[in-house]
Every structure is written in C-alpha cells, then in structure tokens.
Full PDB file with SEQRES, HELIX, SHEET, SSBOND, CRYST1, ORIGX, SCALE, CONECT and MASTER records, all heavy atoms in Angstrom:
SEQRES   1 A   40  PHE LEU ARG LEU ILE ASP GLU ARG SER LEU GLN ASP CYS          
SEQRES   2 A   40  GLY GLY ALA GLU ARG ILE ALA ILE ASP ILE PRO ALA ALA          
SEQRES   3 A   40  THR GLN VAL ARG PHE ASP ARG GLY HIS LEU HIS ARG VAL          
SEQRES   4 A   40  VAL                                                          
HELIX    1 AA1 LEU A    2  GLN A   11  1                                  10    
HELIX    2 AA2 ALA A   16  ARG A   18  5                                   3    
HELIX    3 AA3 ARG A   33  VAL A   39  1                                   7    
CRYST1    1.000    1.000    1.000  90.00  90.00  90.00 P 1           1          
ORIGX1      1.000000  0.000000  0.000000        0.00000                         
ORIGX2      0.000000  1.000000  0.000000        0.00000                         
ORIGX3      0.000000  0.000000  1.000000        0.00000                         
SCALE1      1.000000  0.000000  0.000000        0.00000                         
SCALE2      0.000000  1.000000  0.000000        0.00000                         
SCALE3      0.000000  0.000000  1.000000        0.00000                         
ATOM      1  N   PHE A   1     -56.435  11.013  17.115  1.00  0.00           N  
ATOM      2  CA  PHE A   1     -55.018  11.304  17.318  1.00  0.00           C  
ATOM      3  C   PHE A   1     -54.805  12.621  18.056  1.00  0.00           C  
ATOM      4  O   PHE A   1     -53.921  12.710  18.906  1.00  0.00           O  
ATOM      5  CB  PHE A   1     -54.249  11.290  16.001  1.00  0.00           C  
ATOM      6  CG  PHE A   1     -53.719   9.946  15.654  1.00  0.00           C  
ATOM      7  CD1 PHE A   1     -54.459   9.081  14.869  1.00  0.00           C  
ATOM      8  CD2 PHE A   1     -52.501   9.514  16.140  1.00  0.00           C  
ATOM      9  CE1 PHE A   1     -53.984   7.825  14.561  1.00  0.00           C  
ATOM     10  CE2 PHE A   1     -52.014   8.254  15.841  1.00  0.00           C  
ATOM     11  CZ  PHE A   1     -52.759   7.406  15.054  1.00  0.00           C  
ATOM     12  N   LEU A   2     -55.580  13.634  17.749  1.00  0.00           N  
ATOM     13  CA  LEU A   2     -55.423  14.914  18.445  1.00  0.00           C  
ATOM     14  C   LEU A   2     -55.685  14.745  19.941  1.00  0.00           C  
ATOM     15  O   LEU A   2     -54.951  15.278  20.769  1.00  0.00           O  
ATOM     16  CB  LEU A   2     -56.344  15.972  17.839  1.00  0.00           C  
ATOM     17  CG  LEU A   2     -55.984  16.402  16.410  1.00  0.00           C  
ATOM     18  CD1 LEU A   2     -57.022  17.378  15.869  1.00  0.00           C  
ATOM     19  CD2 LEU A   2     -54.584  16.980  16.345  1.00  0.00           C  
ATOM     20  N   ARG A   3     -56.698  13.972  20.283  1.00  0.00           N  
ATOM     21  CA  ARG A   3     -56.987  13.701  21.700  1.00  0.00           C  
ATOM     22  C   ARG A   3     -55.882  12.864  22.347  1.00  0.00           C  
ATOM     23  O   ARG A   3     -55.481  13.118  23.477  1.00  0.00           O  
ATOM     24  CB  ARG A   3     -58.328  12.994  21.847  1.00  0.00           C  
ATOM     25  CG  ARG A   3     -59.501  13.890  21.558  1.00  0.00           C  
ATOM     26  CD  ARG A   3     -60.793  13.093  21.594  1.00  0.00           C  
ATOM     27  NE  ARG A   3     -61.879  13.863  21.040  1.00  0.00           N  
ATOM     28  CZ  ARG A   3     -62.908  14.276  21.736  1.00  0.00           C  
ATOM     29  NH1 ARG A   3     -63.011  13.980  23.023  1.00  0.00           N  
ATOM     30  NH2 ARG A   3     -63.862  14.968  21.170  1.00  0.00           N  
ATOM     31  N   LEU A   4     -55.399  11.871  21.616  1.00  0.00           N  
ATOM     32  CA  LEU A   4     -54.343  11.016  22.141  1.00  0.00           C  
ATOM     33  C   LEU A   4     -53.063  11.819  22.383  1.00  0.00           C  
ATOM     34  O   LEU A   4     -52.416  11.666  23.420  1.00  0.00           O  
ATOM     35  CB  LEU A   4     -54.071   9.857  21.171  1.00  0.00           C  
ATOM     36  CG  LEU A   4     -53.047   8.826  21.625  1.00  0.00           C  
ATOM     37  CD1 LEU A   4     -53.574   8.033  22.810  1.00  0.00           C  
ATOM     38  CD2 LEU A   4     -52.698   7.897  20.480  1.00  0.00           C  
ATOM     39  N   ILE A   5     -52.726  12.699  21.472  1.00  0.00           N  
ATOM     40  CA  ILE A   5     -51.525  13.530  21.622  1.00  0.00           C  
ATOM     41  C   ILE A   5     -51.705  14.479  22.808  1.00  0.00           C  
ATOM     42  O   ILE A   5     -50.768  14.692  23.585  1.00  0.00           O  
ATOM     43  CB  ILE A   5     -51.224  14.315  20.323  1.00  0.00           C  
ATOM     44  CG1 ILE A   5     -50.958  13.363  19.160  1.00  0.00           C  
ATOM     45  CG2 ILE A   5     -50.076  15.295  20.515  1.00  0.00           C  
ATOM     46  CD1 ILE A   5     -49.819  12.410  19.358  1.00  0.00           C  
ATOM     47  N   ASP A   6     -52.896  15.031  22.977  1.00  0.00           N  
ATOM     48  CA  ASP A   6     -53.168  15.881  24.144  1.00  0.00           C  
ATOM     49  C   ASP A   6     -52.963  15.101  25.438  1.00  0.00           C  
ATOM     50  O   ASP A   6     -52.352  15.589  26.381  1.00  0.00           O  
ATOM     51  CB  ASP A   6     -54.594  16.439  24.107  1.00  0.00           C  
ATOM     52  CG  ASP A   6     -54.732  17.640  23.198  1.00  0.00           C  
ATOM     53  OD1 ASP A   6     -53.700  18.198  22.775  1.00  0.00           O  
ATOM     54  OD2 ASP A   6     -55.886  18.020  22.909  1.00  0.00           O  
ATOM     55  N   GLU A   7     -53.488  13.872  25.490  1.00  0.00           N  
ATOM     56  CA  GLU A   7     -53.309  12.996  26.658  1.00  0.00           C  
ATOM     57  C   GLU A   7     -51.834  12.769  26.942  1.00  0.00           C  
ATOM     58  O   GLU A   7     -51.375  12.874  28.077  1.00  0.00           O  
ATOM     59  CB  GLU A   7     -53.915  11.607  26.374  1.00  0.00           C  
ATOM     60  CG  GLU A   7     -55.293  11.379  26.848  1.00  0.00           C  
ATOM     61  CD  GLU A   7     -55.731   9.960  26.474  1.00  0.00           C  
ATOM     62  OE1 GLU A   7     -54.956   8.982  26.640  1.00  0.00           O  
ATOM     63  OE2 GLU A   7     -56.877   9.837  26.003  1.00  0.00           O  
ATOM     64  N   ARG A   8     -51.099  12.446  25.895  1.00  0.00           N  
ATOM     65  CA  ARG A   8     -49.676  12.133  26.043  1.00  0.00           C  
ATOM     66  C   ARG A   8     -48.882  13.352  26.488  1.00  0.00           C  
ATOM     67  O   ARG A   8     -47.902  13.225  27.215  1.00  0.00           O  
ATOM     68  CB  ARG A   8     -49.109  11.589  24.737  1.00  0.00           C  
ATOM     69  CG  ARG A   8     -49.692  10.241  24.358  1.00  0.00           C  
ATOM     70  CD  ARG A   8     -49.172   9.786  23.017  1.00  0.00           C  
ATOM     71  NE  ARG A   8     -47.869   9.177  23.117  1.00  0.00           N  
ATOM     72  CZ  ARG A   8     -47.633   7.929  23.499  1.00  0.00           C  
ATOM     73  NH1 ARG A   8     -48.628   7.148  23.843  1.00  0.00           N  
ATOM     74  NH2 ARG A   8     -46.417   7.461  23.546  1.00  0.00           N  
ATOM     75  N   SER A   9     -49.274  14.533  26.052  1.00  0.00           N  
ATOM     76  CA  SER A   9     -48.531  15.743  26.403  1.00  0.00           C  
ATOM     77  C   SER A   9     -48.624  16.046  27.897  1.00  0.00           C  
ATOM     78  O   SER A   9     -47.749  16.710  28.452  1.00  0.00           O  
ATOM     79  CB  SER A   9     -48.998  16.938  25.571  1.00  0.00           C  
ATOM     80  OG  SER A   9     -50.314  17.281  25.891  1.00  0.00           O  
ATOM     81  N   LEU A  10     -49.663  15.532  28.551  1.00  0.00           N  
ATOM     82  CA  LEU A  10     -49.768  15.702  29.998  1.00  0.00           C  
ATOM     83  C   LEU A  10     -48.708  14.877  30.722  1.00  0.00           C  
ATOM     84  O   LEU A  10     -48.235  15.262  31.785  1.00  0.00           O  
ATOM     85  CB  LEU A  10     -51.164  15.313  30.489  1.00  0.00           C  
ATOM     86  CG  LEU A  10     -52.322  16.165  29.982  1.00  0.00           C  
ATOM     87  CD1 LEU A  10     -53.651  15.551  30.425  1.00  0.00           C  
ATOM     88  CD2 LEU A  10     -52.189  17.592  30.461  1.00  0.00           C  
ATOM     89  N   GLN A  11     -48.339  13.741  30.150  1.00  0.00           N  
ATOM     90  CA  GLN A  11     -47.343  12.861  30.760  1.00  0.00           C  
ATOM     91  C   GLN A  11     -45.926  13.186  30.305  1.00  0.00           C  
ATOM     92  O   GLN A  11     -44.975  13.038  31.051  1.00  0.00           O  
ATOM     93  CB  GLN A  11     -47.650  11.398  30.408  1.00  0.00           C  
ATOM     94  CG  GLN A  11     -48.992  10.936  30.891  1.00  0.00           C  
ATOM     95  CD  GLN A  11     -49.389   9.623  30.244  1.00  0.00           C  
ATOM     96  OE1 GLN A  11     -48.667   9.063  29.437  1.00  0.00           O  
ATOM     97  NE2 GLN A  11     -50.559   9.128  30.594  1.00  0.00           N  
ATOM     98  N   ASP A  12     -45.798  13.610  29.048  1.00  0.00           N  
ATOM     99  CA  ASP A  12     -44.481  13.865  28.464  1.00  0.00           C  
ATOM    100  C   ASP A  12     -44.603  15.064  27.532  1.00  0.00           C  
ATOM    101  O   ASP A  12     -44.925  14.913  26.356  1.00  0.00           O  
ATOM    102  CB  ASP A  12     -44.015  12.631  27.690  1.00  0.00           C  
ATOM    103  CG  ASP A  12     -42.681  12.830  26.984  1.00  0.00           C  
ATOM    104  OD1 ASP A  12     -41.995  13.826  27.273  1.00  0.00           O  
ATOM    105  OD2 ASP A  12     -42.338  11.990  26.135  1.00  0.00           O  
ATOM    106  N   CYS A  13     -44.348  16.245  28.069  1.00  0.00           N  
ATOM    107  CA  CYS A  13     -44.582  17.467  27.288  1.00  0.00           C  
ATOM    108  C   CYS A  13     -43.705  17.535  26.036  1.00  0.00           C  
ATOM    109  O   CYS A  13     -44.099  18.106  25.038  1.00  0.00           O  
ATOM    110  CB  CYS A  13     -44.420  18.703  28.149  1.00  0.00           C  
ATOM    111  SG  CYS A  13     -42.833  18.800  28.992  1.00  0.00           S  
ATOM    112  N   GLY A  14     -42.525  16.950  26.027  1.00  0.00           N  
ATOM    113  CA  GLY A  14     -41.664  16.980  24.852  1.00  0.00           C  
ATOM    114  C   GLY A  14     -42.032  15.949  23.809  1.00  0.00           C  
ATOM    115  O   GLY A  14     -41.722  16.114  22.633  1.00  0.00           O  
ATOM    116  N   GLY A  15     -42.706  14.885  24.227  1.00  0.00           N  
ATOM    117  CA  GLY A  15     -43.044  13.805  23.303  1.00  0.00           C  
ATOM    118  C   GLY A  15     -44.029  14.215  22.231  1.00  0.00           C  
ATOM    119  O   GLY A  15     -43.927  13.775  21.086  1.00  0.00           O  
ATOM    120  N   ALA A  16     -44.973  15.080  22.569  1.00  0.00           N  
ATOM    121  CA  ALA A  16     -46.004  15.477  21.615  1.00  0.00           C  
ATOM    122  C   ALA A  16     -45.420  16.198  20.410  1.00  0.00           C  
ATOM    123  O   ALA A  16     -45.852  15.978  19.282  1.00  0.00           O  
ATOM    124  CB  ALA A  16     -47.051  16.341  22.304  1.00  0.00           C  
ATOM    125  N   GLU A  17     -44.431  17.039  20.626  1.00  0.00           N  
ATOM    126  CA  GLU A  17     -43.847  17.782  19.495  1.00  0.00           C  
ATOM    127  C   GLU A  17     -42.976  16.881  18.617  1.00  0.00           C  
ATOM    128  O   GLU A  17     -42.665  17.234  17.485  1.00  0.00           O  
ATOM    129  CB  GLU A  17     -43.043  18.976  19.989  1.00  0.00           C  
ATOM    130  CG  GLU A  17     -41.771  18.613  20.714  1.00  0.00           C  
ATOM    131  CD  GLU A  17     -41.047  19.829  21.267  1.00  0.00           C  
ATOM    132  OE1 GLU A  17     -41.702  20.831  21.577  1.00  0.00           O  
ATOM    133  OE2 GLU A  17     -39.820  19.743  21.388  1.00  0.00           O  
ATOM    134  N   ARG A  18     -42.621  15.721  19.104  1.00  0.00           N  
ATOM    135  CA  ARG A  18     -41.834  14.773  18.313  1.00  0.00           C  
ATOM    136  C   ARG A  18     -42.696  13.960  17.354  1.00  0.00           C  
ATOM    137  O   ARG A  18     -42.180  13.233  16.511  1.00  0.00           O  
ATOM    138  CB  ARG A  18     -41.065  13.827  19.235  1.00  0.00           C  
ATOM    139  CG  ARG A  18     -39.994  14.561  20.043  1.00  0.00           C  
ATOM    140  CD  ARG A  18     -39.341  13.655  21.067  1.00  0.00           C  
ATOM    141  NE  ARG A  18     -38.754  12.474  20.450  1.00  0.00           N  
ATOM    142  CZ  ARG A  18     -38.618  11.312  21.084  1.00  0.00           C  
ATOM    143  NH1 ARG A  18     -39.019  11.172  22.332  1.00  0.00           N  
ATOM    144  NH2 ARG A  18     -38.070  10.287  20.478  1.00  0.00           N  
ATOM    145  N   ILE A  19     -44.029  14.097  17.463  1.00  0.00           N  
ATOM    146  CA  ILE A  19     -44.953  13.337  16.615  1.00  0.00           C  
ATOM    147  C   ILE A  19     -45.597  14.273  15.600  1.00  0.00           C  
ATOM    148  O   ILE A  19     -46.224  15.257  15.969  1.00  0.00           O  
ATOM    149  CB  ILE A  19     -46.047  12.657  17.463  1.00  0.00           C  
ATOM    150  CG1 ILE A  19     -45.425  11.740  18.511  1.00  0.00           C  
ATOM    151  CG2 ILE A  19     -46.999  11.876  16.568  1.00  0.00           C  
ATOM    152  CD1 ILE A  19     -46.412  11.209  19.536  1.00  0.00           C  
ATOM    153  N   ALA A  20     -45.438  13.957  14.317  1.00  0.00           N  
ATOM    154  CA  ALA A  20     -46.061  14.716  13.232  1.00  0.00           C  
ATOM    155  C   ALA A  20     -47.226  13.892  12.683  1.00  0.00           C  
ATOM    156  O   ALA A  20     -47.034  12.745  12.272  1.00  0.00           O  
ATOM    157  CB  ALA A  20     -45.050  15.007  12.136  1.00  0.00           C  
ATOM    158  N   ILE A  21     -48.407  14.473  12.693  1.00  0.00           N  
ATOM    159  CA  ILE A  21     -49.613  13.780  12.237  1.00  0.00           C  
ATOM    160  C   ILE A  21     -50.055  14.379  10.898  1.00  0.00           C  
ATOM    161  O   ILE A  21     -50.203  15.591  10.785  1.00  0.00           O  
ATOM    162  CB  ILE A  21     -50.768  13.951  13.256  1.00  0.00           C  
ATOM    163  CG1 ILE A  21     -50.335  13.549  14.656  1.00  0.00           C  
ATOM    164  CG2 ILE A  21     -52.019  13.224  12.799  1.00  0.00           C  
ATOM    165  CD1 ILE A  21     -50.232  12.091  14.901  1.00  0.00           C  
ATOM    166  N   ASP A  22     -50.269  13.543   9.905  1.00  0.00           N  
ATOM    167  CA  ASP A  22     -50.796  13.984   8.613  1.00  0.00           C  
ATOM    168  C   ASP A  22     -52.007  13.111   8.285  1.00  0.00           C  
ATOM    169  O   ASP A  22     -51.899  12.127   7.547  1.00  0.00           O  
ATOM    170  CB  ASP A  22     -49.727  13.880   7.532  1.00  0.00           C  
ATOM    171  CG  ASP A  22     -50.202  14.443   6.194  1.00  0.00           C  
ATOM    172  OD1 ASP A  22     -51.285  15.073   6.152  1.00  0.00           O  
ATOM    173  OD2 ASP A  22     -49.497  14.233   5.188  1.00  0.00           O  
ATOM    174  N   ILE A  23     -53.127  13.482   8.900  1.00  0.00           N  
ATOM    175  CA  ILE A  23     -54.377  12.740   8.713  1.00  0.00           C  
ATOM    176  C   ILE A  23     -55.446  13.751   8.331  1.00  0.00           C  
ATOM    177  O   ILE A  23     -55.744  14.654   9.119  1.00  0.00           O  
ATOM    178  CB  ILE A  23     -54.793  11.987   9.992  1.00  0.00           C  
ATOM    179  CG1 ILE A  23     -53.705  10.997  10.402  1.00  0.00           C  
ATOM    180  CG2 ILE A  23     -56.124  11.265   9.782  1.00  0.00           C  
ATOM    181  CD1 ILE A  23     -53.962  10.319  11.732  1.00  0.00           C  
ATOM    182  N   PRO A  24     -56.020  13.638   7.142  1.00  0.00           N  
ATOM    183  CA  PRO A  24     -57.067  14.581   6.740  1.00  0.00           C  
ATOM    184  C   PRO A  24     -58.284  14.502   7.669  1.00  0.00           C  
ATOM    185  O   PRO A  24     -58.583  13.438   8.239  1.00  0.00           O  
ATOM    186  CB  PRO A  24     -57.445  14.125   5.332  1.00  0.00           C  
ATOM    187  CG  PRO A  24     -56.321  13.252   4.880  1.00  0.00           C  
ATOM    188  CD  PRO A  24     -55.715  12.661   6.112  1.00  0.00           C  
ATOM    189  N   ALA A  25     -58.968  15.617   7.803  1.00  0.00           N  
ATOM    190  CA  ALA A  25     -60.198  15.644   8.600  1.00  0.00           C  
ATOM    191  C   ALA A  25     -61.205  14.664   8.000  1.00  0.00           C  
ATOM    192  O   ALA A  25     -61.186  14.386   6.801  1.00  0.00           O  
ATOM    193  CB  ALA A  25     -60.773  17.056   8.612  1.00  0.00           C  
ATOM    194  N   ALA A  26     -62.063  14.151   8.853  1.00  0.00           N  
ATOM    195  CA  ALA A  26     -63.148  13.241   8.470  1.00  0.00           C  
ATOM    196  C   ALA A  26     -62.657  11.914   7.896  1.00  0.00           C  
ATOM    197  O   ALA A  26     -63.339  11.291   7.102  1.00  0.00           O  
ATOM    198  CB  ALA A  26     -64.117  13.921   7.501  1.00  0.00           C  
ATOM    199  N   THR A  27     -61.480  11.472   8.305  1.00  0.00           N  
ATOM    200  CA  THR A  27     -60.993  10.143   7.923  1.00  0.00           C  
ATOM    201  C   THR A  27     -61.557   9.159   8.940  1.00  0.00           C  
ATOM    202  O   THR A  27     -61.160   9.156  10.097  1.00  0.00           O  
ATOM    203  CB  THR A  27     -59.451  10.089   7.927  1.00  0.00           C  
ATOM    204  OG1 THR A  27     -58.946  11.067   7.024  1.00  0.00           O  
ATOM    205  CG2 THR A  27     -58.960   8.716   7.527  1.00  0.00           C  
ATOM    206  N   GLN A  28     -62.508   8.350   8.506  1.00  0.00           N  
ATOM    207  CA  GLN A  28     -63.235   7.455   9.391  1.00  0.00           C  
ATOM    208  C   GLN A  28     -62.769   6.008   9.242  1.00  0.00           C  
ATOM    209  O   GLN A  28     -62.500   5.554   8.133  1.00  0.00           O  
ATOM    210  CB  GLN A  28     -64.738   7.493   9.063  1.00  0.00           C  
ATOM    211  CG  GLN A  28     -65.405   8.823   9.278  1.00  0.00           C  
ATOM    212  CD  GLN A  28     -65.775   9.027  10.734  1.00  0.00           C  
ATOM    213  OE1 GLN A  28     -66.200   8.102  11.401  1.00  0.00           O  
ATOM    214  NE2 GLN A  28     -65.618  10.242  11.210  1.00  0.00           N  
ATOM    215  N   VAL A  29     -62.689   5.320  10.383  1.00  0.00           N  
ATOM    216  CA  VAL A  29     -62.452   3.876  10.391  1.00  0.00           C  
ATOM    217  C   VAL A  29     -63.425   3.249  11.386  1.00  0.00           C  
ATOM    218  O   VAL A  29     -63.966   3.930  12.252  1.00  0.00           O  
ATOM    219  CB  VAL A  29     -60.997   3.517  10.792  1.00  0.00           C  
ATOM    220  CG1 VAL A  29     -60.013   4.038   9.748  1.00  0.00           C  
ATOM    221  CG2 VAL A  29     -60.654   4.014  12.169  1.00  0.00           C  
ATOM    222  N   ARG A  30     -63.634   1.967  11.238  1.00  0.00           N  
ATOM    223  CA  ARG A  30     -64.490   1.228  12.175  1.00  0.00           C  
ATOM    224  C   ARG A  30     -63.577   0.305  12.969  1.00  0.00           C  
ATOM    225  O   ARG A  30     -62.912  -0.571  12.399  1.00  0.00           O  
ATOM    226  CB  ARG A  30     -65.548   0.449  11.414  1.00  0.00           C  
ATOM    227  CG  ARG A  30     -66.565  -0.204  12.315  1.00  0.00           C  
ATOM    228  CD  ARG A  30     -67.927  -0.276  11.616  1.00  0.00           C  
ATOM    229  NE  ARG A  30     -68.932  -0.808  12.495  1.00  0.00           N  
ATOM    230  CZ  ARG A  30     -69.625  -0.091  13.376  1.00  0.00           C  
ATOM    231  NH1 ARG A  30     -69.414   1.192  13.491  1.00  0.00           N  
ATOM    232  NH2 ARG A  30     -70.529  -0.659  14.149  1.00  0.00           N  
ATOM    233  N   PHE A  31     -63.562   0.511  14.309  1.00  0.00           N  
ATOM    234  CA  PHE A  31     -62.619  -0.208  15.169  1.00  0.00           C  
ATOM    235  C   PHE A  31     -63.114  -0.077  16.597  1.00  0.00           C  
ATOM    236  O   PHE A  31     -63.797   0.891  16.934  1.00  0.00           O  
ATOM    237  CB  PHE A  31     -61.239   0.470  15.055  1.00  0.00           C  
ATOM    238  CG  PHE A  31     -60.069  -0.455  15.175  1.00  0.00           C  
ATOM    239  CD1 PHE A  31     -59.503  -1.038  14.055  1.00  0.00           C  
ATOM    240  CD2 PHE A  31     -59.482  -0.712  16.408  1.00  0.00           C  
ATOM    241  CE1 PHE A  31     -58.386  -1.864  14.145  1.00  0.00           C  
ATOM    242  CE2 PHE A  31     -58.369  -1.531  16.518  1.00  0.00           C  
ATOM    243  CZ  PHE A  31     -57.826  -2.111  15.378  1.00  0.00           C  
ATOM    244  N   ASP A  32     -62.759  -0.996  17.441  1.00  0.00           N  
ATOM    245  CA  ASP A  32     -63.022  -0.873  18.870  1.00  0.00           C  
ATOM    246  C   ASP A  32     -62.098   0.223  19.414  1.00  0.00           C  
ATOM    247  O   ASP A  32     -60.877   0.155  19.249  1.00  0.00           O  
ATOM    248  CB  ASP A  32     -62.728  -2.206  19.563  1.00  0.00           C  
ATOM    249  CG  ASP A  32     -62.982  -2.186  21.050  1.00  0.00           C  
ATOM    250  OD1 ASP A  32     -62.199  -1.514  21.772  1.00  0.00           O  
ATOM    251  OD2 ASP A  32     -63.936  -2.834  21.499  1.00  0.00           O  
ATOM    252  N   ARG A  33     -62.662   1.250  20.045  1.00  0.00           N  
ATOM    253  CA  ARG A  33     -61.883   2.414  20.491  1.00  0.00           C  
ATOM    254  C   ARG A  33     -60.775   2.029  21.473  1.00  0.00           C  
ATOM    255  O   ARG A  33     -59.645   2.494  21.368  1.00  0.00           O  
ATOM    256  CB  ARG A  33     -62.804   3.467  21.111  1.00  0.00           C  
ATOM    257  CG  ARG A  33     -62.082   4.773  21.444  1.00  0.00           C  
ATOM    258  CD  ARG A  33     -63.048   5.851  21.900  1.00  0.00           C  
ATOM    259  NE  ARG A  33     -63.956   6.232  20.847  1.00  0.00           N  
ATOM    260  CZ  ARG A  33     -63.694   7.167  19.933  1.00  0.00           C  
ATOM    261  NH1 ARG A  33     -62.551   7.800  19.950  1.00  0.00           N  
ATOM    262  NH2 ARG A  33     -64.584   7.456  19.012  1.00  0.00           N  
ATOM    263  N   GLY A  34     -61.065   1.174  22.429  1.00  0.00           N  
ATOM    264  CA  GLY A  34     -60.064   0.745  23.395  1.00  0.00           C  
ATOM    265  C   GLY A  34     -58.934  -0.032  22.736  1.00  0.00           C  
ATOM    266  O   GLY A  34     -57.762   0.144  23.063  1.00  0.00           O  
ATOM    267  N   HIS A  35     -59.284  -0.885  21.777  1.00  0.00           N  
ATOM    268  CA  HIS A  35     -58.274  -1.647  21.051  1.00  0.00           C  
ATOM    269  C   HIS A  35     -57.398  -0.713  20.223  1.00  0.00           C  
ATOM    270  O   HIS A  35     -56.166  -0.866  20.206  1.00  0.00           O  
ATOM    271  CB  HIS A  35     -58.924  -2.674  20.131  1.00  0.00           C  
ATOM    272  CG  HIS A  35     -59.568  -3.817  20.854  1.00  0.00           C  
ATOM    273  ND1 HIS A  35     -60.283  -4.785  20.182  1.00  0.00           N  
ATOM    274  CD2 HIS A  35     -59.619  -4.156  22.163  1.00  0.00           C  
ATOM    275  CE1 HIS A  35     -60.737  -5.677  21.052  1.00  0.00           C  
ATOM    276  NE2 HIS A  35     -60.349  -5.304  22.269  1.00  0.00           N  
ATOM    277  N   LEU A  36     -58.025   0.259  19.546  1.00  0.00           N  
ATOM    278  CA  LEU A  36     -57.249   1.199  18.734  1.00  0.00           C  
ATOM    279  C   LEU A  36     -56.299   2.007  19.611  1.00  0.00           C  
ATOM    280  O   LEU A  36     -55.145   2.224  19.241  1.00  0.00           O  
ATOM    281  CB  LEU A  36     -58.178   2.123  17.943  1.00  0.00           C  
ATOM    282  CG  LEU A  36     -57.487   3.067  16.961  1.00  0.00           C  
ATOM    283  CD1 LEU A  36     -56.712   2.286  15.907  1.00  0.00           C  
ATOM    284  CD2 LEU A  36     -58.517   3.986  16.303  1.00  0.00           C  
ATOM    285  N   HIS A  37     -56.763   2.412  20.774  1.00  0.00           N  
ATOM    286  CA  HIS A  37     -55.914   3.161  21.701  1.00  0.00           C  
ATOM    287  C   HIS A  37     -54.693   2.321  22.080  1.00  0.00           C  
ATOM    288  O   HIS A  37     -53.562   2.807  22.094  1.00  0.00           O  
ATOM    289  CB  HIS A  37     -56.722   3.561  22.939  1.00  0.00           C  
ATOM    290  CG  HIS A  37     -56.018   4.530  23.823  1.00  0.00           C  
ATOM    291  ND1 HIS A  37     -55.061   4.143  24.730  1.00  0.00           N  
ATOM    292  CD2 HIS A  37     -56.126   5.876  23.931  1.00  0.00           C  
ATOM    293  CE1 HIS A  37     -54.604   5.206  25.368  1.00  0.00           C  
ATOM    294  NE2 HIS A  37     -55.231   6.276  24.899  1.00  0.00           N  
ATOM    295  N   ARG A  38     -54.914   1.059  22.368  1.00  0.00           N  
ATOM    296  CA  ARG A  38     -53.825   0.155  22.762  1.00  0.00           C  
ATOM    297  C   ARG A  38     -52.822  -0.036  21.626  1.00  0.00           C  
ATOM    298  O   ARG A  38     -51.609   0.045  21.816  1.00  0.00           O  
ATOM    299  CB  ARG A  38     -54.421  -1.185  23.206  1.00  0.00           C  
ATOM    300  CG  ARG A  38     -53.422  -2.246  23.547  1.00  0.00           C  
ATOM    301  CD  ARG A  38     -52.639  -1.848  24.792  1.00  0.00           C  
ATOM    302  NE  ARG A  38     -51.542  -2.742  25.020  1.00  0.00           N  
ATOM    303  CZ  ARG A  38     -51.502  -3.654  25.974  1.00  0.00           C  
ATOM    304  NH1 ARG A  38     -52.506  -3.763  26.809  1.00  0.00           N  
ATOM    305  NH2 ARG A  38     -50.463  -4.433  26.106  1.00  0.00           N  
ATOM    306  N   VAL A  39     -53.316  -0.277  20.410  1.00  0.00           N  
ATOM    307  CA  VAL A  39     -52.452  -0.503  19.248  1.00  0.00           C  
ATOM    308  C   VAL A  39     -51.625   0.742  18.949  1.00  0.00           C  
ATOM    309  O   VAL A  39     -50.402   0.680  18.815  1.00  0.00           O  
ATOM    310  CB  VAL A  39     -53.289  -0.906  18.013  1.00  0.00           C  
ATOM    311  CG1 VAL A  39     -52.450  -0.908  16.744  1.00  0.00           C  
ATOM    312  CG2 VAL A  39     -53.941  -2.268  18.226  1.00  0.00           C  
ATOM    313  N   VAL A  40     -52.291   1.879  18.848  1.00  0.00           N  
ATOM    314  CA  VAL A  40     -51.617   3.128  18.498  1.00  0.00           C  
ATOM    315  C   VAL A  40     -50.622   3.530  19.586  1.00  0.00           C  
ATOM    316  O   VAL A  40     -49.498   3.956  19.284  1.00  0.00           O  
ATOM    317  CB  VAL A  40     -52.655   4.239  18.225  1.00  0.00           C  
ATOM    318  CG1 VAL A  40     -52.009   5.604  18.168  1.00  0.00           C  
ATOM    319  CG2 VAL A  40     -53.412   3.941  16.936  1.00  0.00           C  
TER     320      VAL A  40                                                      
MASTER        0    0    0    3    0    0    0    6  319    1    0    4          
END                                                                             
C-alpha cells in the first residue's frame, strides 16, 4: 500500500492524503501481485 500510494501521488497529489491506511507492519497475504494491484 505504501508503494501504491506513492505511485498514485505522482498522478494525483491530493488523492494520497485522502487515503488513510491502518495496516500493521508484516501483514502478509498470498496473492498474485498484478491481480492485487488491479483489485485494490
């Protein structure tokens, strides 16, 4: 999510501050990275 928000801030600098993330460190899931990017 931190990387995704960084990516998005390049396209829409105001959009990143509108998103609040509450995900503890080391929260792991097993998923296809490209699919997860598309879904999220």
